[in-house]
Amino acid sequence: MAPTRSHRRAVRPLYPGVVQVFALGMLGFMASLLGFRLPWHAAWPLRLGLEAVVVLLLWKAVSLFRASVKAQLRLFNAQSALAYAVALQAFILLLRH
């Protein structure tokens, strides 16, 4: 007996290109928790702009995740937006204060 249509929609693959960016972001986050910092200093307006980009990427990821139920292609866009947000936040945390 073939699986139902809803069974196919319940499967959410994790795309390979997204895993690398997400893993890099998580490694950067772990390095910042251990106390490592990059040798560059960023002014507060630049930090504020980068944080705004992180929030924008998270907003885009959530909206695309909600829309991915209808269109499977949007799932890749949602996963990549989330991975870029994690990597950018790790980069911000690694900058010197």
PDB file of N, CA and C in Angstrom:
ATOM      1  N   MET A   1       0.838  -1.169   0.000  1.00  0.00           N
ATOM      2  CA  MET A   1       0.000   0.000   0.000  1.00  0.00           C
ATOM      3  C   MET A   1       0.895   1.249   0.000  1.00  0.00           C
ATOM      4  N   ALA A   2       0.581   2.195  -0.829  1.00  0.00           N
ATOM      5  CA  ALA A   2       1.360   3.423  -0.946  1.00  0.00           C
ATOM      6  C   ALA A   2       1.077   4.342   0.245  1.00  0.00           C
ATOM      7  N   PRO A   3       2.108   5.090   0.671  1.00  0.00           N
ATOM      8  CA  PRO A   3       1.867   6.026   1.761  1.00  0.00           C
ATOM      9  C   PRO A   3       0.943   7.161   1.323  1.00  0.00           C
ATOM     10  N   THR A   4       0.284   7.743   2.262  1.00  0.00           N
ATOM     11  CA  THR A   4      -0.650   8.821   1.948  1.00  0.00           C
ATOM     12  C   THR A   4       0.101  10.071   1.532  1.00  0.00           C
ATOM     13  N   ARG A   5      -0.610  11.001   0.969  1.00  0.00           N
ATOM     14  CA  ARG A   5       0.005  12.228   0.499  1.00  0.00           C
ATOM     15  C   ARG A   5       0.543  13.052   1.671  1.00  0.00           C
ATOM     16  N   SER A   6      -0.158  13.046   2.761  1.00  0.00           N
ATOM     17  CA  SER A   6       0.312  13.803   3.917  1.00  0.00           C
ATOM     18  C   SER A   6       1.605  13.201   4.484  1.00  0.00           C
ATOM     19  N   HIS A   7       1.810  11.896   4.273  1.00  0.00           N
ATOM     20  CA  HIS A   7       3.043  11.269   4.726  1.00  0.00           C
ATOM     21  C   HIS A   7       4.244  11.845   3.975  1.00  0.00           C
ATOM     22  N   ARG A   8       4.096  12.078   2.691  1.00  0.00           N
ATOM     23  CA  ARG A   8       5.194  12.652   1.914  1.00  0.00           C
ATOM     24  C   ARG A   8       5.471  14.086   2.332  1.00  0.00           C
ATOM     25  N   ARG A   9       4.435  14.812   2.661  1.00  0.00           N
ATOM     26  CA  ARG A   9       4.640  16.200   3.065  1.00  0.00           C
ATOM     27  C   ARG A   9       5.259  16.308   4.451  1.00  0.00           C
ATOM     28  N   ALA A  10       5.142  15.281   5.245  1.00  0.00           N
ATOM     29  CA  ALA A  10       5.705  15.325   6.587  1.00  0.00           C
ATOM     30  C   ALA A  10       7.223  15.188   6.570  1.00  0.00           C
ATOM     31  N   VAL A  11       7.788  14.679   5.498  1.00  0.00           N
ATOM     32  CA  VAL A  11       9.237  14.498   5.401  1.00  0.00           C
ATOM     33  C   VAL A  11       9.870  15.841   5.046  1.00  0.00           C
ATOM     34  N   ARG A  12      10.784  16.273   5.870  1.00  0.00           N
ATOM     35  CA  ARG A  12      11.484  17.540   5.644  1.00  0.00           C
ATOM     36  C   ARG A  12      12.968  17.253   5.521  1.00  0.00           C
ATOM     37  N   PRO A  13      13.514  17.263   4.303  1.00  0.00           N
ATOM     38  CA  PRO A  13      14.944  16.974   4.154  1.00  0.00           C
ATOM     39  C   PRO A  13      15.805  18.143   4.625  1.00  0.00           C
ATOM     40  N   LEU A  14      17.007  17.829   5.058  1.00  0.00           N
ATOM     41  CA  LEU A  14      17.991  18.834   5.415  1.00  0.00           C
ATOM     42  C   LEU A  14      18.982  18.899   4.262  1.00  0.00           C
ATOM     43  N   TYR A  15      19.024  20.020   3.598  1.00  0.00           N
ATOM     44  CA  TYR A  15      19.826  20.136   2.385  1.00  0.00           C
ATOM     45  C   TYR A  15      21.318  20.227   2.712  1.00  0.00           C
ATOM     46  N   PRO A  16      22.182  19.558   1.928  1.00  0.00           N
ATOM     47  CA  PRO A  16      23.614  19.459   2.252  1.00  0.00           C
ATOM     48  C   PRO A  16      24.340  20.802   2.264  1.00  0.00           C
ATOM     49  N   GLY A  17      23.995  21.722   1.368  1.00  0.00           N
ATOM     50  CA  GLY A  17      24.675  23.013   1.342  1.00  0.00           C
ATOM     51  C   GLY A  17      24.402  23.849   2.578  1.00  0.00           C
ATOM     52  N   VAL A  18      23.281  23.611   3.208  1.00  0.00           N
ATOM     53  CA  VAL A  18      22.902  24.369   4.390  1.00  0.00           C
ATOM     54  C   VAL A  18      23.653  23.867   5.620  1.00  0.00           C
ATOM     55  N   VAL A  19      23.941  22.580   5.652  1.00  0.00           N
ATOM     56  CA  VAL A  19      24.589  21.981   6.825  1.00  0.00           C
ATOM     57  C   VAL A  19      25.961  22.601   7.069  1.00  0.00           C
ATOM     58  N   GLN A  20      26.712  22.868   6.019  1.00  0.00           N
ATOM     59  CA  GLN A  20      28.054  23.424   6.170  1.00  0.00           C
ATOM     60  C   GLN A  20      28.013  24.828   6.774  1.00  0.00           C
ATOM     61  N   VAL A  21      27.115  25.662   6.291  1.00  0.00           N
ATOM     62  CA  VAL A  21      27.015  27.029   6.807  1.00  0.00           C
ATOM     63  C   VAL A  21      26.523  27.009   8.249  1.00  0.00           C
ATOM     64  N   PHE A  22      25.536  26.156   8.543  1.00  0.00           N
ATOM     65  CA  PHE A  22      25.010  26.066   9.893  1.00  0.00           C
ATOM     66  C   PHE A  22      26.077  25.542  10.868  1.00  0.00           C
ATOM     67  N   ALA A  23      26.839  24.537  10.447  1.00  0.00           N
ATOM     68  CA  ALA A  23      27.904  23.997  11.302  1.00  0.00           C
ATOM     69  C   ALA A  23      28.992  25.039  11.539  1.00  0.00           C
ATOM     70  N   LEU A  24      29.325  25.815  10.523  1.00  0.00           N
ATOM     71  CA  LEU A  24      30.309  26.884  10.679  1.00  0.00           C
ATOM     72  C   LEU A  24      29.811  27.925  11.675  1.00  0.00           C
ATOM     73  N   GLY A  25      28.545  28.275  11.592  1.00  0.00           N
ATOM     74  CA  GLY A  25      27.978  29.222  12.548  1.00  0.00           C
ATOM     75  C   GLY A  25      27.986  28.689  13.962  1.00  0.00           C
ATOM     76  N   MET A  26      27.666  27.406  14.125  1.00  0.00           N
ATOM     77  CA  MET A  26      27.673  26.820  15.474  1.00  0.00           C
ATOM     78  C   MET A  26      29.092  26.730  16.033  1.00  0.00           C
ATOM     79  N   LEU A  27      30.080  26.434  15.182  1.00  0.00           N
ATOM     80  CA  LEU A  27      31.476  26.435  15.636  1.00  0.00           C
ATOM     81  C   LEU A  27      31.928  27.829  16.047  1.00  0.00           C
ATOM     82  N   GLY A  28      31.504  28.841  15.283  1.00  0.00           N
ATOM     83  CA  GLY A  28      31.822  30.216  15.650  1.00  0.00           C
ATOM     84  C   GLY A  28      31.174  30.625  16.961  1.00  0.00           C
ATOM     85  N   PHE A  29      29.946  30.189  17.177  1.00  0.00           N
ATOM     86  CA  PHE A  29      29.260  30.484  18.426  1.00  0.00           C
ATOM     87  C   PHE A  29      29.968  29.816  19.605  1.00  0.00           C
ATOM     88  N   MET A  30      30.391  28.568  19.406  1.00  0.00           N
ATOM     89  CA  MET A  30      31.114  27.860  20.462  1.00  0.00           C
ATOM     90  C   MET A  30      32.460  28.533  20.740  1.00  0.00           C
ATOM     91  N   ALA A  31      33.134  29.001  19.691  1.00  0.00           N
ATOM     92  CA  ALA A  31      34.412  29.686  19.881  1.00  0.00           C
ATOM     93  C   ALA A  31      34.217  30.994  20.646  1.00  0.00           C
ATOM     94  N   SER A  32      33.121  31.692  20.373  1.00  0.00           N
ATOM     95  CA  SER A  32      32.882  32.937  21.108  1.00  0.00           C
ATOM     96  C   SER A  32      32.562  32.657  22.571  1.00  0.00           C
ATOM     97  N   LEU A  33      31.892  31.543  22.852  1.00  0.00           N
ATOM     98  CA  LEU A  33      31.627  31.177  24.244  1.00  0.00           C
ATOM     99  C   LEU A  33      32.910  30.796  24.980  1.00  0.00           C
ATOM    100  N   LEU A  34      33.873  30.253  24.246  1.00  0.00           N
ATOM    101  CA  LEU A  34      35.155  29.894  24.858  1.00  0.00           C
ATOM    102  C   LEU A  34      36.077  31.097  25.031  1.00  0.00           C
ATOM    103  N   GLY A  35      35.695  32.255  24.495  1.00  0.00           N
ATOM    104  CA  GLY A  35      36.471  33.461  24.708  1.00  0.00           C
ATOM    105  C   GLY A  35      37.317  33.903  23.530  1.00  0.00           C
ATOM    106  N   PHE A  36      37.252  33.226  22.414  1.00  0.00           N
ATOM    107  CA  PHE A  36      38.014  33.644  21.238  1.00  0.00           C
ATOM    108  C   PHE A  36      37.366  34.879  20.624  1.00  0.00           C
ATOM    109  N   ARG A  37      38.199  35.775  20.126  1.00  0.00           N
ATOM    110  CA  ARG A  37      37.713  36.986  19.467  1.00  0.00           C
ATOM    111  C   ARG A  37      38.531  37.233  18.206  1.00  0.00           C
ATOM    112  N   LEU A  38      37.908  37.870  17.235  1.00  0.00           N
ATOM    113  CA  LEU A  38      38.616  38.293  16.028  1.00  0.00           C
ATOM    114  C   LEU A  38      39.380  39.579  16.340  1.00  0.00           C
ATOM    115  N   PRO A  39      40.453  39.871  15.604  1.00  0.00           N
ATOM    116  CA  PRO A  39      41.255  41.058  15.931  1.00  0.00           C
ATOM    117  C   PRO A  39      40.642  42.372  15.473  1.00  0.00           C
ATOM    118  N   TRP A  40      39.438  42.364  14.920  1.00  0.00           N
ATOM    119  CA  TRP A  40      38.816  43.585  14.419  1.00  0.00           C
ATOM    120  C   TRP A  40      37.800  44.121  15.409  1.00  0.00           C
ATOM    121  N   HIS A  41      37.698  45.434  15.415  1.00  0.00           N
ATOM    122  CA  HIS A  41      36.697  46.098  16.245  1.00  0.00           C
ATOM    123  C   HIS A  41      35.663  46.730  15.320  1.00  0.00           C
ATOM    124  N   ALA A  42      34.407  46.561  15.638  1.00  0.00           N
ATOM    125  CA  ALA A  42      33.330  47.148  14.843  1.00  0.00           C
ATOM    126  C   ALA A  42      32.637  48.218  15.665  1.00  0.00           C
ATOM    127  N   ALA A  43      32.364  49.343  15.035  1.00  0.00           N
ATOM    128  CA  ALA A  43      31.656  50.423  15.714  1.00  0.00           C
ATOM    129  C   ALA A  43      30.218  49.993  16.007  1.00  0.00           C
ATOM    130  N   TRP A  44      29.592  50.633  16.954  1.00  0.00           N
ATOM    131  CA  TRP A  44      28.255  50.209  17.357  1.00  0.00           C
ATOM    132  C   TRP A  44      27.213  50.377  16.261  1.00  0.00           C
ATOM    133  N   PRO A  45      27.307  51.390  15.358  1.00  0.00           N
ATOM    134  CA  PRO A  45      26.292  51.434  14.291  1.00  0.00           C
ATOM    135  C   PRO A  45      26.395  50.232  13.336  1.00  0.00           C
ATOM    136  N   LEU A  46      27.629  49.785  13.094  1.00  0.00           N
ATOM    137  CA  LEU A  46      27.805  48.616  12.242  1.00  0.00           C
ATOM    138  C   LEU A  46      27.253  47.370  12.921  1.00  0.00           C
ATOM    139  N   ARG A  47      27.520  47.231  14.212  1.00  0.00           N
ATOM    140  CA  ARG A  47      26.971  46.093  14.969  1.00  0.00           C
ATOM    141  C   ARG A  47      25.448  46.113  14.958  1.00  0.00           C
ATOM    142  N   LEU A  48      24.870  47.296  15.128  1.00  0.00           N
ATOM    143  CA  LEU A  48      23.418  47.427  15.123  1.00  0.00           C
ATOM    144  C   LEU A  48      22.846  47.049  13.759  1.00  0.00           C
ATOM    145  N   GLY A  49      23.522  47.459  12.699  1.00  0.00           N
ATOM    146  CA  GLY A  49      23.081  47.081  11.354  1.00  0.00           C
ATOM    147  C   GLY A  49      23.168  45.587  11.109  1.00  0.00           C
ATOM    148  N   LEU A  50      24.241  44.969  11.586  1.00  0.00           N
ATOM    149  CA  LEU A  50      24.390  43.522  11.432  1.00  0.00           C
ATOM    150  C   LEU A  50      23.335  42.761  12.238  1.00  0.00           C
ATOM    151  N   GLU A  51      23.014  43.256  13.436  1.00  0.00           N
ATOM    152  CA  GLU A  51      21.959  42.620  14.226  1.00  0.00           C
ATOM    153  C   GLU A  51      20.606  42.760  13.540  1.00  0.00           C
ATOM    154  N   ALA A  52      20.381  43.900  12.882  1.00  0.00           N
ATOM    155  CA  ALA A  52      19.133  44.086  12.136  1.00  0.00           C
ATOM    156  C   ALA A  52      19.049  43.097  10.971  1.00  0.00           C
ATOM    157  N   VAL A  53      20.183  42.819  10.333  1.00  0.00           N
ATOM    158  CA  VAL A  53      20.200  41.831   9.254  1.00  0.00           C
ATOM    159  C   VAL A  53      19.887  40.444   9.796  1.00  0.00           C
ATOM    160  N   VAL A  54      20.394  40.119  10.992  1.00  0.00           N
ATOM    161  CA  VAL A  54      20.100  38.824  11.618  1.00  0.00           C
ATOM    162  C   VAL A  54      18.601  38.692  11.878  1.00  0.00           C
ATOM    163  N   VAL A  55      18.000  39.745  12.425  1.00  0.00           N
ATOM    164  CA  VAL A  55      16.559  39.707  12.695  1.00  0.00           C
ATOM    165  C   VAL A  55      15.777  39.577  11.396  1.00  0.00           C
ATOM    166  N   LEU A  56      16.202  40.285  10.360  1.00  0.00           N
ATOM    167  CA  LEU A  56      15.536  40.192   9.062  1.00  0.00           C
ATOM    168  C   LEU A  56      15.640  38.776   8.484  1.00  0.00           C
ATOM    169  N   LEU A  57      16.802  38.157   8.604  1.00  0.00           N
ATOM    170  CA  LEU A  57      16.971  36.786   8.122  1.00  0.00           C
ATOM    171  C   LEU A  57      16.108  35.801   8.902  1.00  0.00           C
ATOM    172  N   LEU A  58      16.006  36.008  10.210  1.00  0.00           N
ATOM    173  CA  LEU A  58      15.158  35.129  11.012  1.00  0.00           C
ATOM    174  C   LEU A  58      13.685  35.303  10.645  1.00  0.00           C
ATOM    175  N   TRP A  59      13.267  36.543  10.412  1.00  0.00           N
ATOM    176  CA  TRP A  59      11.882  36.804   9.992  1.00  0.00           C
ATOM    177  C   TRP A  59      11.600  36.101   8.657  1.00  0.00           C
ATOM    178  N   LYS A  60      12.544  36.230   7.738  1.00  0.00           N
ATOM    179  CA  LYS A  60      12.389  35.594   6.426  1.00  0.00           C
ATOM    180  C   LYS A  60      12.344  34.075   6.566  1.00  0.00           C
ATOM    181  N   ALA A  61      13.184  33.520   7.429  1.00  0.00           N
ATOM    182  CA  ALA A  61      13.212  32.066   7.624  1.00  0.00           C
ATOM    183  C   ALA A  61      11.891  31.556   8.180  1.00  0.00           C
ATOM    184  N   VAL A  62      11.346  32.257   9.170  1.00  0.00           N
ATOM    185  CA  VAL A  62      10.083  31.817   9.769  1.00  0.00           C
ATOM    186  C   VAL A  62       8.949  31.897   8.758  1.00  0.00           C
ATOM    187  N   SER A  63       8.894  32.976   8.000  1.00  0.00           N
ATOM    188  CA  SER A  63       7.825  33.088   7.006  1.00  0.00           C
ATOM    189  C   SER A  63       7.969  32.044   5.900  1.00  0.00           C
ATOM    190  N   LEU A  64       9.194  31.732   5.523  1.00  0.00           N
ATOM    191  CA  LEU A  64       9.391  30.710   4.491  1.00  0.00           C
ATOM    192  C   LEU A  64       9.127  29.306   5.032  1.00  0.00           C
ATOM    193  N   PHE A  65       9.439  29.062   6.299  1.00  0.00           N
ATOM    194  CA  PHE A  65       9.110  27.763   6.892  1.00  0.00           C
ATOM    195  C   PHE A  65       7.594  27.549   6.913  1.00  0.00           C
ATOM    196  N   ARG A  66       6.858  28.607   7.216  1.00  0.00           N
ATOM    197  CA  ARG A  66       5.399  28.479   7.222  1.00  0.00           C
ATOM    198  C   ARG A  66       4.854  28.262   5.813  1.00  0.00           C
ATOM    199  N   ALA A  67       5.502  28.856   4.814  1.00  0.00           N
ATOM    200  CA  ALA A  67       5.049  28.707   3.435  1.00  0.00           C
ATOM    201  C   ALA A  67       5.550  27.414   2.805  1.00  0.00           C
ATOM    202  N   SER A  68       6.517  26.760   3.423  1.00  0.00           N
ATOM    203  CA  SER A  68       7.097  25.558   2.809  1.00  0.00           C
ATOM    204  C   SER A  68       6.160  24.356   2.874  1.00  0.00           C
ATOM    205  N   VAL A  69       5.083  24.461   3.620  1.00  0.00           N
ATOM    206  CA  VAL A  69       4.107  23.377   3.646  1.00  0.00           C
ATOM    207  C   VAL A  69       3.471  23.227   2.264  1.00  0.00           C
ATOM    208  N   LYS A  70       3.252  24.353   1.591  1.00  0.00           N
ATOM    209  CA  LYS A  70       2.621  24.324   0.268  1.00  0.00           C
ATOM    210  C   LYS A  70       3.638  24.122  -0.857  1.00  0.00           C
ATOM    211  N   ALA A  71       4.825  24.692  -0.711  1.00  0.00           N
ATOM    212  CA  ALA A  71       5.839  24.611  -1.767  1.00  0.00           C
ATOM    213  C   ALA A  71       7.151  24.104  -1.167  1.00  0.00           C
ATOM    214  N   GLN A  72       7.569  22.932  -1.587  1.00  0.00           N
ATOM    215  CA  GLN A  72       8.752  22.283  -1.022  1.00  0.00           C
ATOM    216  C   GLN A  72      10.032  23.063  -1.316  1.00  0.00           C
ATOM    217  N   LEU A  73      10.060  23.808  -2.426  1.00  0.00           N
ATOM    218  CA  LEU A  73      11.259  24.546  -2.794  1.00  0.00           C
ATOM    219  C   LEU A  73      11.568  25.648  -1.781  1.00  0.00           C
ATOM    220  N   ARG A  74      10.555  26.168  -1.135  1.00  0.00           N
ATOM    221  CA  ARG A  74      10.778  27.228  -0.153  1.00  0.00           C
ATOM    222  C   ARG A  74      11.479  26.710   1.100  1.00  0.00           C
ATOM    223  N   LEU A  75      11.480  25.417   1.285  1.00  0.00           N
ATOM    224  CA  LEU A  75      12.156  24.848   2.451  1.00  0.00           C
ATOM    225  C   LEU A  75      13.660  25.092   2.375  1.00  0.00           C
ATOM    226  N   PHE A  76      14.249  24.955   1.196  1.00  0.00           N
ATOM    227  CA  PHE A  76      15.679  25.226   1.043  1.00  0.00           C
ATOM    228  C   PHE A  76      15.976  26.689   1.345  1.00  0.00           C
ATOM    229  N   ASN A  77      15.143  27.596   0.854  1.00  0.00           N
ATOM    230  CA  ASN A  77      15.352  29.015   1.124  1.00  0.00           C
ATOM    231  C   ASN A  77      15.229  29.317   2.609  1.00  0.00           C
ATOM    232  N   ALA A  78      14.289  28.670   3.269  1.00  0.00           N
ATOM    233  CA  ALA A  78      14.113  28.883   4.705  1.00  0.00           C
ATOM    234  C   ALA A  78      15.306  28.360   5.484  1.00  0.00           C
ATOM    235  N   GLN A  79      15.777  27.174   5.133  1.00  0.00           N
ATOM    236  CA  GLN A  79      16.928  26.604   5.836  1.00  0.00           C
ATOM    237  C   GLN A  79      18.185  27.428   5.591  1.00  0.00           C
ATOM    238  N   SER A  80      18.361  27.935   4.384  1.00  0.00           N
ATOM    239  CA  SER A  80      19.552  28.735   4.112  1.00  0.00           C
ATOM    240  C   SER A  80      19.481  30.077   4.837  1.00  0.00           C
ATOM    241  N   ALA A  81      18.309  30.688   4.918  1.00  0.00           N
ATOM    242  CA  ALA A  81      18.186  31.949   5.659  1.00  0.00           C
ATOM    243  C   ALA A  81      18.493  31.741   7.141  1.00  0.00           C
ATOM    244  N   LEU A  82      18.027  30.641   7.704  1.00  0.00           N
ATOM    245  CA  LEU A  82      18.317  30.340   9.105  1.00  0.00           C
ATOM    246  C   LEU A  82      19.807  30.083   9.313  1.00  0.00           C
ATOM    247  N   ALA A  83      20.426  29.362   8.407  1.00  0.00           N
ATOM    248  CA  ALA A  83      21.859  29.078   8.529  1.00  0.00           C
ATOM    249  C   ALA A  83      22.689  30.353   8.404  1.00  0.00           C
ATOM    250  N   TYR A  84      22.317  31.247   7.491  1.00  0.00           N
ATOM    251  CA  TYR A  84      23.039  32.512   7.347  1.00  0.00           C
ATOM    252  C   TYR A  84      22.855  33.394   8.578  1.00  0.00           C
ATOM    253  N   ALA A  85      21.666  33.360   9.176  1.00  0.00           N
ATOM    254  CA  ALA A  85      21.436  34.139  10.396  1.00  0.00           C
ATOM    255  C   ALA A  85      22.311  33.627  11.539  1.00  0.00           C
ATOM    256  N   VAL A  86      22.430  32.316  11.671  1.00  0.00           N
ATOM    257  CA  VAL A  86      23.275  31.738  12.729  1.00  0.00           C
ATOM    258  C   VAL A  86      24.748  32.085  12.479  1.00  0.00           C
ATOM    259  N   ALA A  87      25.199  31.981  11.237  1.00  0.00           N
ATOM    260  CA  ALA A  87      26.598  32.285  10.913  1.00  0.00           C
ATOM    261  C   ALA A  87      26.902  33.771  11.129  1.00  0.00           C
ATOM    262  N   LEU A  88      25.971  34.646  10.751  1.00  0.00           N
ATOM    263  CA  LEU A  88      26.199  36.079  10.946  1.00  0.00           C
ATOM    264  C   LEU A  88      26.193  36.444  12.426  1.00  0.00           C
ATOM    265  N   GLN A  89      25.318  35.823  13.203  1.00  0.00           N
ATOM    266  CA  GLN A  89      25.310  36.085  14.641  1.00  0.00           C
ATOM    267  C   GLN A  89      26.599  35.604  15.289  1.00  0.00           C
ATOM    268  N   ALA A  90      27.128  34.479  14.841  1.00  0.00           N
ATOM    269  CA  ALA A  90      28.407  33.995  15.364  1.00  0.00           C
ATOM    270  C   ALA A  90      29.527  34.965  15.013  1.00  0.00           C
ATOM    271  N   PHE A  91      29.496  35.519  13.807  1.00  0.00           N
ATOM    272  CA  PHE A  91      30.507  36.499  13.400  1.00  0.00           C
ATOM    273  C   PHE A  91      30.422  37.754  14.266  1.00  0.00           C
ATOM    274  N   ILE A  92      29.203  38.192  14.562  1.00  0.00           N
ATOM    275  CA  ILE A  92      29.033  39.369  15.417  1.00  0.00           C
ATOM    276  C   ILE A  92      29.571  39.106  16.820  1.00  0.00           C
ATOM    277  N   LEU A  93      29.304  37.916  17.337  1.00  0.00           N
ATOM    278  CA  LEU A  93      29.803  37.584  18.675  1.00  0.00           C
ATOM    279  C   LEU A  93      31.322  37.461  18.721  1.00  0.00           C
ATOM    280  N   LEU A  94      31.921  37.100  17.597  1.00  0.00           N
ATOM    281  CA  LEU A  94      33.385  36.967  17.564  1.00  0.00           C
ATOM    282  C   LEU A  94      34.104  38.301  17.418  1.00  0.00           C
ATOM    283  N   LEU A  95      33.398  39.358  17.011  1.00  0.00           N
ATOM    284  CA  LEU A  95      34.026  40.673  16.899  1.00  0.00           C
ATOM    285  C   LEU A  95      34.367  41.202  18.290  1.00  0.00           C
ATOM    286  N   ARG A  96      35.448  41.988  18.351  1.00  0.00           N
ATOM    287  CA  ARG A  96      35.845  42.563  19.642  1.00  0.00           C
ATOM    288  C   ARG A  96      34.862  43.633  20.056  1.00  0.00           C
ATOM    289  N   HIS A  97      34.654  43.752  21.358  1.00  0.00           N
ATOM    290  CA  HIS A  97      33.696  44.732  21.893  1.00  0.00           C
ATOM    291  C   HIS A  97      34.372  46.067  22.072  1.00  0.00           C
TER     292      HIS A  97
END
